Protein backbone atom coordinates (compact mmCIF):
# COMPACT_ATOMS: atom_id res chain seq x y z
CA MET A 1 99.45 109.23 92.46
CA PRO A 2 102.87 107.76 93.56
CA ALA A 3 104.17 104.86 91.53
CA PRO A 4 103.91 101.41 93.40
CA GLN A 5 106.80 100.30 95.38
CA PRO A 6 108.75 97.26 94.10
CA SER A 7 108.54 94.13 95.90
CA HIS A 8 111.57 92.01 97.06
CA TYR A 9 110.96 88.11 97.39
CA TYR A 10 112.79 85.77 99.79
CA ILE A 11 111.64 82.23 99.29
CA TYR A 12 113.23 79.41 101.32
CA TYR A 13 112.68 75.69 101.51
CA PRO A 14 114.24 72.44 102.59
CA ILE A 15 115.77 70.34 99.88
CA ARG A 16 116.48 66.64 99.49
CA LEU A 17 120.37 66.16 99.90
CA GLY A 18 122.14 64.60 97.06
CA GLN A 19 120.50 66.52 94.34
CA GLU A 20 122.17 69.70 94.84
CA GLY A 21 123.89 69.91 91.32
CA ASP A 22 120.72 69.19 89.63
CA LEU A 23 118.81 71.57 91.71
CA ALA A 24 121.30 74.36 90.80
CA ARG A 25 120.86 73.65 87.11
CA VAL A 26 117.04 73.80 87.36
CA LEU A 27 117.30 76.94 89.46
CA ASP A 28 119.45 78.53 86.54
CA LEU A 29 116.74 77.43 84.12
CA ILE A 30 114.00 78.89 86.11
CA GLN A 31 115.82 82.20 86.70
CA ALA A 32 116.67 82.36 83.03
CA ASP A 33 112.93 82.11 82.13
CA LEU A 34 112.13 84.87 84.67
CA ALA A 35 114.88 87.12 83.24
CA ARG A 36 113.87 86.50 79.56
CA GLY A 37 110.16 86.83 80.23
CA LEU A 38 109.93 89.61 82.85
CA GLY A 39 113.53 91.01 83.21
CA ILE A 40 113.66 89.88 86.80
CA ARG A 41 117.10 88.59 87.66
CA GLY A 42 117.13 86.27 90.63
CA ARG A 43 119.80 84.50 92.73
CA TYR A 44 119.90 81.64 95.04
CA LEU A 45 121.82 80.66 98.31
CA ARG A 46 122.26 77.90 100.71
CA LYS A 47 122.15 78.42 104.41
CA ALA A 48 125.56 78.64 105.83
CA ASP A 49 125.06 76.23 108.79
CA ASP A 50 122.31 74.13 107.26
CA PRO A 51 122.91 72.56 103.80
CA TRP A 52 119.21 71.48 103.45
CA THR A 53 117.91 75.00 103.38
CA TRP A 54 118.20 76.88 100.21
CA MET A 55 116.82 80.41 99.35
CA GLU A 56 115.92 82.36 96.21
CA ILE A 57 115.97 86.12 96.08
CA TYR A 58 114.10 88.28 93.44
CA GLU A 59 114.54 92.01 94.05
CA ASN A 60 112.72 95.07 92.51
CA VAL A 61 109.81 93.18 91.28
CA PRO A 62 107.37 95.81 89.68
CA ASP A 63 104.34 93.62 89.30
CA PRO A 64 103.92 90.85 91.88
CA THR A 65 100.95 89.18 90.09
CA ALA A 66 102.91 88.82 86.86
CA PHE A 67 105.97 87.62 88.69
CA GLU A 68 104.21 85.03 90.81
CA THR A 69 102.28 83.48 87.78
CA ALA A 70 105.60 83.31 85.78
CA LEU A 71 107.37 81.87 88.71
CA ALA A 72 104.76 79.25 89.29
CA SER A 73 104.79 78.31 85.62
CA ALA A 74 108.59 78.00 85.47
CA LEU A 75 108.54 75.85 88.65
CA GLU A 76 106.07 73.47 87.12
CA ALA A 77 107.70 73.49 83.76
CA HIS A 78 111.03 72.54 85.16
CA GLY A 79 109.56 69.92 87.75
CA PHE A 80 110.94 71.85 90.85
CA ALA A 81 108.90 69.93 93.30
CA ARG A 82 111.03 66.83 93.05
CA PHE A 83 113.80 68.72 94.95
CA LEU A 84 111.79 69.51 97.97
CA GLU A 85 112.02 67.49 101.16
CA GLU A 86 109.08 65.09 101.23
CA GLY A 87 105.95 66.85 102.79
CA ARG A 88 107.64 70.33 102.80
CA HIS A 89 107.10 73.44 100.69
CA ARG A 90 108.53 76.70 99.72
CA HIS A 91 108.01 79.65 102.10
CA VAL A 92 107.39 82.82 100.09
CA GLU A 93 108.10 86.05 101.88
CA ARG A 94 107.42 89.35 100.09
CA PHE A 95 108.93 92.70 101.34
CA ILE A 96 108.50 96.31 100.23
CA PRO A 97 110.53 99.34 101.19
CA CYS A 98 109.64 101.20 104.37
CA ALA A 99 108.14 104.61 103.81
């Protein structure tokens, strides 16, 4: 039986402007938690023509269930929700390699 293919996560969301520095520090902490706990190294970006939209990328995730659980815990532990634009949420997209 072939090994499961790794998953790649692309997570984007609208942020509250004026908190970019604090958000970057919290994302560094969240990503350090994931690297320490699961060995998953992430990165984050800002949309070039839209400073309100940020994205996190996590590639080669071997166990999606463990990753999603750890990510949710880290988001909660670091109070991530305060950075989201009111009434908005994170959009999580998970991709796998073709064939």
